[in-house]
Amino acid sequence: MGDQATRAGASAALNLAEGGGRFGRDRVQHYRIAYGSAREASMALELMVGAGAVPEAAGAEVLELLDRVKAMTWRMIHPRR
């Protein structure tokens, strides 16, 4: 589960970086993938906290950061016009 969370987090970061260098629908697709990866990382972390593999306080701190990433990414996918 830890490996999965790590890979999902890396995928979110890498897709945000790649999307930043793209244009149009291609850019938005990378942001969509990043959003999904951030959600995946959050769920993996929640499961690890629930299983007692990660201390609750540490998990809460990282989940808060992932929530911020998800919120920012959501706004990149759905910009206000």
Protein backbone atom coordinates (compact mmCIF):
# COMPACT_ATOMS: atom_id res chain seq x y z
CA MET A 1 0.00 0.00 0.00
CA GLY A 2 2.87 2.36 0.78
CA ASP A 3 4.41 1.74 -2.63
CA GLN A 4 1.06 2.40 -4.29
CA ALA A 5 0.64 5.67 -2.39
CA THR A 6 4.16 6.72 -3.35
CA ARG A 7 3.59 5.94 -7.04
CA ALA A 8 0.23 7.76 -7.04
CA GLY A 9 1.79 10.83 -5.43
CA ALA A 10 4.62 10.83 -7.95
CA SER A 11 2.13 10.44 -10.79
CA ALA A 12 0.18 13.48 -9.57
CA ALA A 13 3.32 15.61 -9.42
CA LEU A 14 4.65 14.42 -12.78
CA ASN A 15 1.35 14.94 -14.59
CA LEU A 16 1.00 18.45 -13.15
CA ALA A 17 4.50 19.22 -14.40
CA GLU A 18 3.86 17.75 -17.83
CA GLY A 19 0.48 19.45 -18.14
CA GLY A 20 2.12 22.78 -17.42
CA GLY A 21 4.09 22.44 -20.64
CA ARG A 22 1.13 21.43 -22.81
CA PHE A 23 -1.70 23.36 -24.44
CA GLY A 24 -5.42 22.89 -24.94
CA ARG A 25 -7.16 19.62 -24.23
CA ASP A 26 -3.84 17.81 -23.82
CA ARG A 27 -3.02 20.05 -20.84
CA VAL A 28 -6.39 19.41 -19.22
CA GLN A 29 -6.00 15.65 -19.68
CA HIS A 30 -2.75 15.69 -17.70
CA TYR A 31 -4.48 17.69 -14.97
CA ARG A 32 -7.31 15.13 -14.89
CA ILE A 33 -4.80 12.32 -14.46
CA ALA A 34 -3.03 14.29 -11.72
CA TYR A 35 -6.35 14.80 -9.91
CA GLY A 36 -7.13 11.09 -10.07
CA SER A 37 -3.67 10.20 -8.83
CA ALA A 38 -3.99 12.59 -5.90
CA ARG A 39 -7.33 10.96 -5.01
CA GLU A 40 -5.67 7.55 -5.23
CA ALA A 41 -2.82 8.63 -2.96
CA SER A 42 -5.33 10.02 -0.45
CA MET A 43 -7.30 6.79 -0.34
CA ALA A 44 -4.18 4.66 0.03
CA LEU A 45 -3.07 6.84 2.93
CA GLU A 46 -6.51 6.69 4.55
CA LEU A 47 -6.39 2.89 4.33
CA MET A 48 -2.91 2.80 5.87
CA VAL A 49 -4.02 5.07 8.72
CA GLY A 50 -7.09 2.88 9.24
CA ALA A 51 -4.92 -0.23 9.35
CA GLY A 52 -2.58 1.38 11.89
CA ALA A 53 0.38 1.33 9.51
CA VAL A 54 0.67 5.14 9.59
CA PRO A 55 0.19 7.25 12.73
CA GLU A 56 -3.07 9.19 12.62
CA ALA A 57 -1.45 12.60 13.19
CA ALA A 58 1.10 12.12 10.42
CA GLY A 59 -1.58 10.80 8.09
CA ALA A 60 -3.84 13.77 8.80
CA GLU A 61 -1.06 16.20 7.97
CA VAL A 62 -0.35 14.57 4.60
CA LEU A 63 -4.06 14.18 3.82
CA GLU A 64 -4.49 17.92 4.37
CA LEU A 65 -1.72 18.61 1.85
CA LEU A 66 -3.25 16.17 -0.63
CA ASP A 67 -6.61 17.91 -0.21
CA ARG A 68 -4.95 21.17 -1.19
CA VAL A 69 -3.40 19.51 -4.25
CA LYS A 70 -6.80 18.10 -5.23
CA ALA A 71 -8.47 21.49 -4.80
CA MET A 72 -5.84 23.29 -6.89
CA THR A 73 -5.96 20.61 -9.56
CA TRP A 74 -9.77 20.71 -9.65
CA ARG A 75 -9.60 24.45 -10.32
CA MET A 76 -7.10 23.84 -13.13
CA ILE A 77 -9.51 21.38 -14.73
CA HIS A 78 -12.56 23.60 -14.14
CA PRO A 79 -11.38 27.23 -14.41
CA ARG A 80 -13.84 29.98 -13.56
CA ARG A 81 -14.72 32.00 -16.61
